[in-house]
PDB file of N, CA and C in Angstrom:
ATOM      1  N   MET A   1      82.099  83.190 119.090  1.00  0.00           N
ATOM      2  CA  MET A   1      83.333  82.729 119.684  1.00  0.00           C
ATOM      3  C   MET A   1      82.972  81.745 120.797  1.00  0.00           C
ATOM      4  N   THR A   2      83.664  80.645 120.836  1.00  0.00           N
ATOM      5  CA  THR A   2      83.392  79.641 121.860  1.00  0.00           C
ATOM      6  C   THR A   2      83.937  80.106 123.210  1.00  0.00           C
ATOM      7  N   GLN A   3      83.495  79.442 124.259  1.00  0.00           N
ATOM      8  CA  GLN A   3      83.979  79.749 125.605  1.00  0.00           C
ATOM      9  C   GLN A   3      85.490  79.521 125.684  1.00  0.00           C
ATOM     10  N   GLU A   4      85.952  78.438 125.053  1.00  0.00           N
ATOM     11  CA  GLU A   4      87.384  78.140 125.060  1.00  0.00           C
ATOM     12  C   GLU A   4      88.173  79.277 124.385  1.00  0.00           C
ATOM     13  N   ALA A   5      87.661  79.776 123.265  1.00  0.00           N
ATOM     14  CA  ALA A   5      88.329  80.872 122.564  1.00  0.00           C
ATOM     15  C   ALA A   5      88.329  82.136 123.413  1.00  0.00           C
ATOM     16  N   ARG A   6      87.220  82.417 124.094  1.00  0.00           N
ATOM     17  CA  ARG A   6      87.157  83.599 124.968  1.00  0.00           C
ATOM     18  C   ARG A   6      88.180  83.494 126.101  1.00  0.00           C
ATOM     19  N   GLU A   7      88.314  82.287 126.661  1.00  0.00           N
ATOM     20  CA  GLU A   7      89.287  82.082 127.734  1.00  0.00           C
ATOM     21  C   GLU A   7      90.710  82.274 127.212  1.00  0.00           C
ATOM     22  N   LEU A   8      90.997  81.750 126.039  1.00  0.00           N
ATOM     23  CA  LEU A   8      92.307  81.935 125.432  1.00  0.00           C
ATOM     24  C   LEU A   8      92.585  83.410 125.180  1.00  0.00           C
ATOM     25  N   LEU A   9      91.565  84.122 124.701  1.00  0.00           N
ATOM     26  CA  LEU A   9      91.716  85.547 124.442  1.00  0.00           C
ATOM     27  C   LEU A   9      92.052  86.293 125.723  1.00  0.00           C
ATOM     28  N   GLN A  10      91.354  86.002 126.791  1.00  0.00           N
ATOM     29  CA  GLN A  10      91.616  86.669 128.074  1.00  0.00           C
ATOM     30  C   GLN A  10      93.040  86.396 128.541  1.00  0.00           C
ATOM     31  N   LYS A  11      93.508  85.146 128.392  1.00  0.00           N
ATOM     32  CA  LYS A  11      94.878  84.818 128.775  1.00  0.00           C
ATOM     33  C   LYS A  11      95.873  85.554 127.882  1.00  0.00           C
ATOM     34  N   ALA A  12      95.584  85.611 126.588  1.00  0.00           N
ATOM     35  CA  ALA A  12      96.477  86.295 125.652  1.00  0.00           C
ATOM     36  C   ALA A  12      96.551  87.782 125.954  1.00  0.00           C
ATOM     37  N   LEU A  13      95.438  88.396 126.288  1.00  0.00           N
ATOM     38  CA  LEU A  13      95.423  89.826 126.591  1.00  0.00           C
ATOM     39  C   LEU A  13      96.203  90.167 127.854  1.00  0.00           C
ATOM     40  N   ALA A  14      96.421  89.176 128.715  1.00  0.00           N
ATOM     41  CA  ALA A  14      97.177  89.398 129.948  1.00  0.00           C
ATOM     42  C   ALA A  14      98.688  89.306 129.727  1.00  0.00           C
ATOM     43  N   LEU A  15      99.108  88.878 128.544  1.00  0.00           N
ATOM     44  CA  LEU A  15     100.533  88.752 128.238  1.00  0.00           C
ATOM     45  C   LEU A  15     101.171  90.125 128.057  1.00  0.00           C
ATOM     46  N   PRO A  16     102.486  90.199 128.250  1.00  0.00           N
ATOM     47  CA  PRO A  16     103.193  91.454 127.952  1.00  0.00           C
ATOM     48  C   PRO A  16     103.059  91.803 126.466  1.00  0.00           C
ATOM     49  N   ASP A  17     103.228  93.090 126.150  1.00  0.00           N
ATOM     50  CA  ASP A  17     103.045  93.576 124.783  1.00  0.00           C
ATOM     51  C   ASP A  17     103.828  92.774 123.750  1.00  0.00           C
ATOM     52  N   ASN A  18     105.101  92.524 124.021  1.00  0.00           N
ATOM     53  CA  ASN A  18     105.920  91.831 123.016  1.00  0.00           C
ATOM     54  C   ASN A  18     105.431  90.405 122.778  1.00  0.00           C
ATOM     55  N   GLU A  19     104.968  89.720 123.816  1.00  0.00           N
ATOM     56  CA  GLU A  19     104.454  88.361 123.640  1.00  0.00           C
ATOM     57  C   GLU A  19     103.114  88.375 122.907  1.00  0.00           C
ATOM     58  N   ARG A  20     102.262  89.384 123.196  1.00  0.00           N
ATOM     59  CA  ARG A  20     100.988  89.502 122.468  1.00  0.00           C
ATOM     60  C   ARG A  20     101.243  89.745 120.999  1.00  0.00           C
ATOM     61  N   ALA A  21     102.221  90.605 120.682  1.00  0.00           N
ATOM     62  CA  ALA A  21     102.540  90.903 119.286  1.00  0.00           C
ATOM     63  C   ALA A  21     103.037  89.651 118.574  1.00  0.00           C
ATOM     64  N   GLU A  22     103.898  88.888 119.232  1.00  0.00           N
ATOM     65  CA  GLU A  22     104.414  87.660 118.628  1.00  0.00           C
ATOM     66  C   GLU A  22     103.283  86.654 118.412  1.00  0.00           C
ATOM     67  N   LEU A  23     102.410  86.518 119.396  1.00  0.00           N
ATOM     68  CA  LEU A  23     101.280  85.606 119.281  1.00  0.00           C
ATOM     69  C   LEU A  23     100.343  86.040 118.154  1.00  0.00           C
ATOM     70  N   ALA A  24     100.062  87.328 118.077  1.00  0.00           N
ATOM     71  CA  ALA A  24      99.186  87.842 117.020  1.00  0.00           C
ATOM     72  C   ALA A  24      99.779  87.566 115.648  1.00  0.00           C
ATOM     73  N   GLY A  25     101.071  87.803 115.498  1.00  0.00           N
ATOM     74  CA  GLY A  25     101.731  87.528 114.229  1.00  0.00           C
ATOM     75  C   GLY A  25     101.647  86.060 113.851  1.00  0.00           C
ATOM     76  N   SER A  26     101.840  85.195 114.830  1.00  0.00           N
ATOM     77  CA  SER A  26     101.759  83.755 114.570  1.00  0.00           C
ATOM     78  C   SER A  26     100.353  83.345 114.160  1.00  0.00           C
ATOM     79  N   LEU A  27      99.357  83.903 114.827  1.00  0.00           N
ATOM     80  CA  LEU A  27      97.974  83.573 114.476  1.00  0.00           C
ATOM     81  C   LEU A  27      97.631  84.054 113.070  1.00  0.00           C
ATOM     82  N   ILE A  28      98.025  85.258 112.741  1.00  0.00           N
ATOM     83  CA  ILE A  28      97.744  85.788 111.409  1.00  0.00           C
ATOM     84  C   ILE A  28      98.455  84.962 110.349  1.00  0.00           C
ATOM     85  N   SER A  29      99.699  84.625 110.612  1.00  0.00           N
ATOM     86  CA  SER A  29     100.461  83.816 109.650  1.00  0.00           C
ATOM     87  C   SER A  29      99.820  82.454 109.435  1.00  0.00           C
ATOM     88  N   SER A  30      99.203  81.923 110.477  1.00  0.00           N
ATOM     89  CA  SER A  30      98.608  80.598 110.364  1.00  0.00           C
ATOM     90  C   SER A  30      97.357  80.577 109.488  1.00  0.00           C
ATOM     91  N   LEU A  31      96.765  81.749 109.245  1.00  0.00           N
ATOM     92  CA  LEU A  31      95.541  81.803 108.454  1.00  0.00           C
ATOM     93  C   LEU A  31      95.787  81.571 106.970  1.00  0.00           C
ATOM     94  N   ASP A  32      96.930  82.004 106.482  1.00  0.00           N
ATOM     95  CA  ASP A  32      97.228  81.839 105.061  1.00  0.00           C
ATOM     96  C   ASP A  32      98.716  81.624 104.873  1.00  0.00           C
ATOM     97  N   ALA A  33      99.098  80.360 104.889  1.00  0.00           N
ATOM     98  CA  ALA A  33     100.515  80.035 104.761  1.00  0.00           C
ATOM     99  C   ALA A  33     100.947  79.961 103.298  1.00  0.00           C
ATOM    100  N   THR A  34      99.995  80.089 102.371  1.00  0.00           N
ATOM    101  CA  THR A  34     100.311  79.993 100.954  1.00  0.00           C
ATOM    102  C   THR A  34     100.839  81.332 100.438  1.00  0.00           C
ATOM    103  N   VAL A  35     101.998  81.290  99.815  1.00  0.00           N
ATOM    104  CA  VAL A  35     102.570  82.496  99.223  1.00  0.00           C
ATOM    105  C   VAL A  35     102.402  82.401  97.716  1.00  0.00           C
ATOM    106  N   ASP A  36     101.749  83.388  97.155  1.00  0.00           N
ATOM    107  CA  ASP A  36     101.563  83.440  95.707  1.00  0.00           C
ATOM    108  C   ASP A  36     102.855  83.954  95.087  1.00  0.00           C
ATOM    109  N   PRO A  37     103.560  83.117  94.325  1.00  0.00           N
ATOM    110  CA  PRO A  37     104.842  83.559  93.765  1.00  0.00           C
ATOM    111  C   PRO A  37     104.715  84.768  92.850  1.00  0.00           C
ATOM    112  N   ASP A  38     103.588  84.923  92.171  1.00  0.00           N
ATOM    113  CA  ASP A  38     103.388  86.080  91.305  1.00  0.00           C
ATOM    114  C   ASP A  38     103.315  87.367  92.119  1.00  0.00           C
ATOM    115  N   VAL A  39     102.617  87.308  93.242  1.00  0.00           N
ATOM    116  CA  VAL A  39     102.497  88.478  94.105  1.00  0.00           C
ATOM    117  C   VAL A  39     103.852  88.797  94.725  1.00  0.00           C
ATOM    118  N   ASP A  40     104.543  87.767  95.183  1.00  0.00           N
ATOM    119  CA  ASP A  40     105.861  87.975  95.772  1.00  0.00           C
ATOM    120  C   ASP A  40     106.809  88.600  94.752  1.00  0.00           C
ATOM    121  N   ALA A  41     106.787  88.119  93.537  1.00  0.00           N
ATOM    122  CA  ALA A  41     107.655  88.669  92.485  1.00  0.00           C
ATOM    123  C   ALA A  41     107.275  90.117  92.172  1.00  0.00           C
ATOM    124  N   ALA A  42     105.986  90.413  92.159  1.00  0.00           N
ATOM    125  CA  ALA A  42     105.536  91.777  91.891  1.00  0.00           C
ATOM    126  C   ALA A  42     106.014  92.730  92.984  1.00  0.00           C
ATOM    127  N   TRP A  43     105.936  92.307  94.254  1.00  0.00           N
ATOM    128  CA  TRP A  43     106.413  93.149  95.344  1.00  0.00           C
ATOM    129  C   TRP A  43     107.923  93.353  95.253  1.00  0.00           C
ATOM    130  N   GLN A  44     108.645  92.304  94.909  1.00  0.00           N
ATOM    131  CA  GLN A  44     110.097  92.437  94.757  1.00  0.00           C
ATOM    132  C   GLN A  44     110.434  93.469  93.673  1.00  0.00           C
ATOM    133  N   ALA A  45     109.727  93.390  92.561  1.00  0.00           N
ATOM    134  CA  ALA A  45     109.956  94.342  91.464  1.00  0.00           C
ATOM    135  C   ALA A  45     109.627  95.767  91.905  1.00  0.00           C
ATOM    136  N   GLU A  46     108.552  95.933  92.675  1.00  0.00           N
ATOM    137  CA  GLU A  46     108.161  97.263  93.158  1.00  0.00           C
ATOM    138  C   GLU A  46     109.215  97.827  94.113  1.00  0.00           C
ATOM    139  N   VAL A  47     109.720  96.995  95.001  1.00  0.00           N
ATOM    140  CA  VAL A  47     110.753  97.437  95.939  1.00  0.00           C
ATOM    141  C   VAL A  47     111.991  97.898  95.172  1.00  0.00           C
ATOM    142  N   ILE A  48     112.406  97.131  94.191  1.00  0.00           N
ATOM    143  CA  ILE A  48     113.579  97.486  93.387  1.00  0.00           C
ATOM    144  C   ILE A  48     113.341  98.786  92.621  1.00  0.00           C
ATOM    145  N   ARG A  49     112.146  98.939  92.044  1.00  0.00           N
ATOM    146  CA  ARG A  49     111.814 100.159  91.303  1.00  0.00           C
ATOM    147  C   ARG A  49     111.902 101.375  92.211  1.00  0.00           C
ATOM    148  N   ARG A  50     111.322 101.262  93.403  1.00  0.00           N
ATOM    149  CA  ARG A  50     111.339 102.393  94.333  1.00  0.00           C
ATOM    150  C   ARG A  50     112.753 102.701  94.822  1.00  0.00           C
ATOM    151  N   LEU A  51     113.529 101.666  95.066  1.00  0.00           N
ATOM    152  CA  LEU A  51     114.909 101.870  95.483  1.00  0.00           C
ATOM    153  C   LEU A  51     115.691 102.625  94.417  1.00  0.00           C
ATOM    154  N   HIS A  52     115.520 102.233  93.168  1.00  0.00           N
ATOM    155  CA  HIS A  52     116.211 102.921  92.073  1.00  0.00           C
ATOM    156  C   HIS A  52     115.772 104.384  91.958  1.00  0.00           C
ATOM    157  N   GLU A  53     114.492 104.649  92.181  1.00  0.00           N
ATOM    158  CA  GLU A  53     114.012 106.029  92.127  1.00  0.00           C
ATOM    159  C   GLU A  53     114.665 106.886  93.208  1.00  0.00           C
ATOM    160  N   VAL A  54     114.807 106.329  94.401  1.00  0.00           N
ATOM    161  CA  VAL A  54     115.444 107.078  95.487  1.00  0.00           C
ATOM    162  C   VAL A  54     116.929 107.261  95.196  1.00  0.00           C
ATOM    163  N   GLN A  55     117.594 106.187  94.788  1.00  0.00           N
ATOM    164  CA  GLN A  55     119.033 106.263  94.531  1.00  0.00           C
ATOM    165  C   GLN A  55     119.370 107.219  93.385  1.00  0.00           C
ATOM    166  N   SER A  56     118.490 107.305  92.403  1.00  0.00           N
ATOM    167  CA  SER A  56     118.760 108.185  91.262  1.00  0.00           C
ATOM    168  C   SER A  56     118.419 109.645  91.547  1.00  0.00           C
ATOM    169  N   GLY A  57     117.715 109.883  92.646  1.00  0.00           N
ATOM    170  CA  GLY A  57     117.313 111.244  92.972  1.00  0.00           C
ATOM    171  C   GLY A  57     115.991 111.638  92.338  1.00  0.00           C
ATOM    172  N   LYS A  58     115.364 110.717  91.627  1.00  0.00           N
ATOM    173  CA  LYS A  58     114.072 111.007  90.992  1.00  0.00           C
ATOM    174  C   LYS A  58     113.014 111.332  92.049  1.00  0.00           C
ATOM    175  N   VAL A  59     113.077 110.657  93.180  1.00  0.00           N
ATOM    176  CA  VAL A  59     112.181 110.953  94.297  1.00  0.00           C
ATOM    177  C   VAL A  59     113.017 111.148  95.543  1.00  0.00           C
ATOM    178  N   GLY A  60     112.473 111.878  96.479  1.00  0.00           N
ATOM    179  CA  GLY A  60     113.174 112.127  97.725  1.00  0.00           C
ATOM    180  C   GLY A  60     112.526 111.374  98.867  1.00  0.00           C
ATOM    181  N   THR A  61     113.156 111.432 100.002  1.00  0.00           N
ATOM    182  CA  THR A  61     112.609 110.811 101.198  1.00  0.00           C
ATOM    183  C   THR A  61     112.225 111.907 102.183  1.00  0.00           C
ATOM    184  N   ILE A  62     111.429 111.531 103.168  1.00  0.00           N
ATOM    185  CA  ILE A  62     111.073 112.461 104.236  1.00  0.00           C
ATOM    186  C   ILE A  62     111.380 111.784 105.571  1.00  0.00           C
ATOM    187  N   SER A  63     111.556 112.570 106.592  1.00  0.00           N
ATOM    188  CA  SER A  63     111.913 112.045 107.909  1.00  0.00           C
ATOM    189  C   SER A  63     110.720 111.346 108.552  1.00  0.00           C
ATOM    190  N   TRP A  64     111.033 110.457 109.502  1.00  0.00           N
ATOM    191  CA  TRP A  64     109.991 109.754 110.240  1.00  0.00           C
ATOM    192  C   TRP A  64     109.125 110.758 111.003  1.00  0.00           C
ATOM    193  N   GLU A  65     109.719 111.814 111.517  1.00  0.00           N
ATOM    194  CA  GLU A  65     108.952 112.830 112.236  1.00  0.00           C
ATOM    195  C   GLU A  65     107.913 113.482 111.328  1.00  0.00           C
ATOM    196  N   GLU A  66     108.298 113.739 110.082  1.00  0.00           N
ATOM    197  CA  GLU A  66     107.352 114.334 109.131  1.00  0.00           C
ATOM    198  C   GLU A  66     106.224 113.363 108.799  1.00  0.00           C
ATOM    199  N   VAL A  67     106.566 112.096 108.666  1.00  0.00           N
ATOM    200  CA  VAL A  67     105.537 111.078 108.408  1.00  0.00           C
ATOM    201  C   VAL A  67     104.541 111.044 109.562  1.00  0.00           C
ATOM    202  N   GLN A  68     105.066 111.056 110.784  1.00  0.00           N
ATOM    203  CA  GLN A  68     104.191 111.041 111.955  1.00  0.00           C
ATOM    204  C   GLN A  68     103.283 112.263 111.991  1.00  0.00           C
ATOM    205  N   GLN A  69     103.852 113.435 111.703  1.00  0.00           N
ATOM    206  CA  GLN A  69     103.051 114.661 111.720  1.00  0.00           C
ATOM    207  C   GLN A  69     101.957 114.609 110.660  1.00  0.00           C
ATOM    208  N   LYS A  70     102.291 114.138 109.468  1.00  0.00           N
ATOM    209  CA  LYS A  70     101.272 114.019 108.418  1.00  0.00           C
ATOM    210  C   LYS A  70     100.176 113.043 108.833  1.00  0.00           C
ATOM    211  N   GLY A  71     100.571 111.949 109.485  1.00  0.00           N
ATOM    212  CA  GLY A  71      99.582 110.977 109.969  1.00  0.00           C
ATOM    213  C   GLY A  71      98.662 111.585 111.001  1.00  0.00           C
ATOM    214  N   ARG A  72      99.252 112.334 111.946  1.00  0.00           N
ATOM    215  CA  ARG A  72      98.416 112.996 112.961  1.00  0.00           C
ATOM    216  C   ARG A  72      97.460 113.994 112.316  1.00  0.00           C
ATOM    217  N   THR A  73      97.952 114.722 111.340  1.00  0.00           N
ATOM    218  CA  THR A  73      97.107 115.698 110.652  1.00  0.00           C
ATOM    219  C   THR A  73      95.940 115.006 109.963  1.00  0.00           C
ATOM    220  N   LEU A  74      96.226 113.900 109.287  1.00  0.00           N
ATOM    221  CA  LEU A  74      95.166 113.176 108.599  1.00  0.00           C
ATOM    222  C   LEU A  74      94.152 112.591 109.579  1.00  0.00           C
ATOM    223  N   LEU A  75      94.637 112.093 110.703  1.00  0.00           N
ATOM    224  CA  LEU A  75      93.745 111.460 111.667  1.00  0.00           C
ATOM    225  C   LEU A  75      92.977 112.447 112.521  1.00  0.00           C
ATOM    226  N   HIS A  76      93.645 113.527 112.916  1.00  0.00           N
ATOM    227  CA  HIS A  76      93.043 114.431 113.896  1.00  0.00           C
ATOM    228  C   HIS A  76      92.839 115.847 113.390  1.00  0.00           C
ATOM    229  N   GLY A  77      93.279 116.144 112.189  1.00  0.00           N
ATOM    230  CA  GLY A  77      93.148 117.492 111.672  1.00  0.00           C
ATOM    231  C   GLY A  77      94.020 118.492 112.400  1.00  0.00           C
ATOM    232  N   GLU A  78      95.133 118.025 112.987  1.00  0.00           N
ATOM    233  CA  GLU A  78      96.041 118.921 113.729  1.00  0.00           C
ATOM    234  C   GLU A  78      96.847 119.787 112.783  1.00  0.00           C
TER     235      GLU A  78
END
């Protein structure tokens, strides 16, 4: 990393959380602005498939609290 990049990083780290998040998103987006239409179409189809499964009752949902607890269990063995 160049000195200029290190200085930019230090300035960025001093920003409030919301500004750092926005900056990070912009930087990541700038790395690959190309959208593969096949991938986008595949994700759209997957979203629709999952929505239909939930709406039909084939699969159920769980609460955000349960998701968090499962995540903590996986990460920390709680």
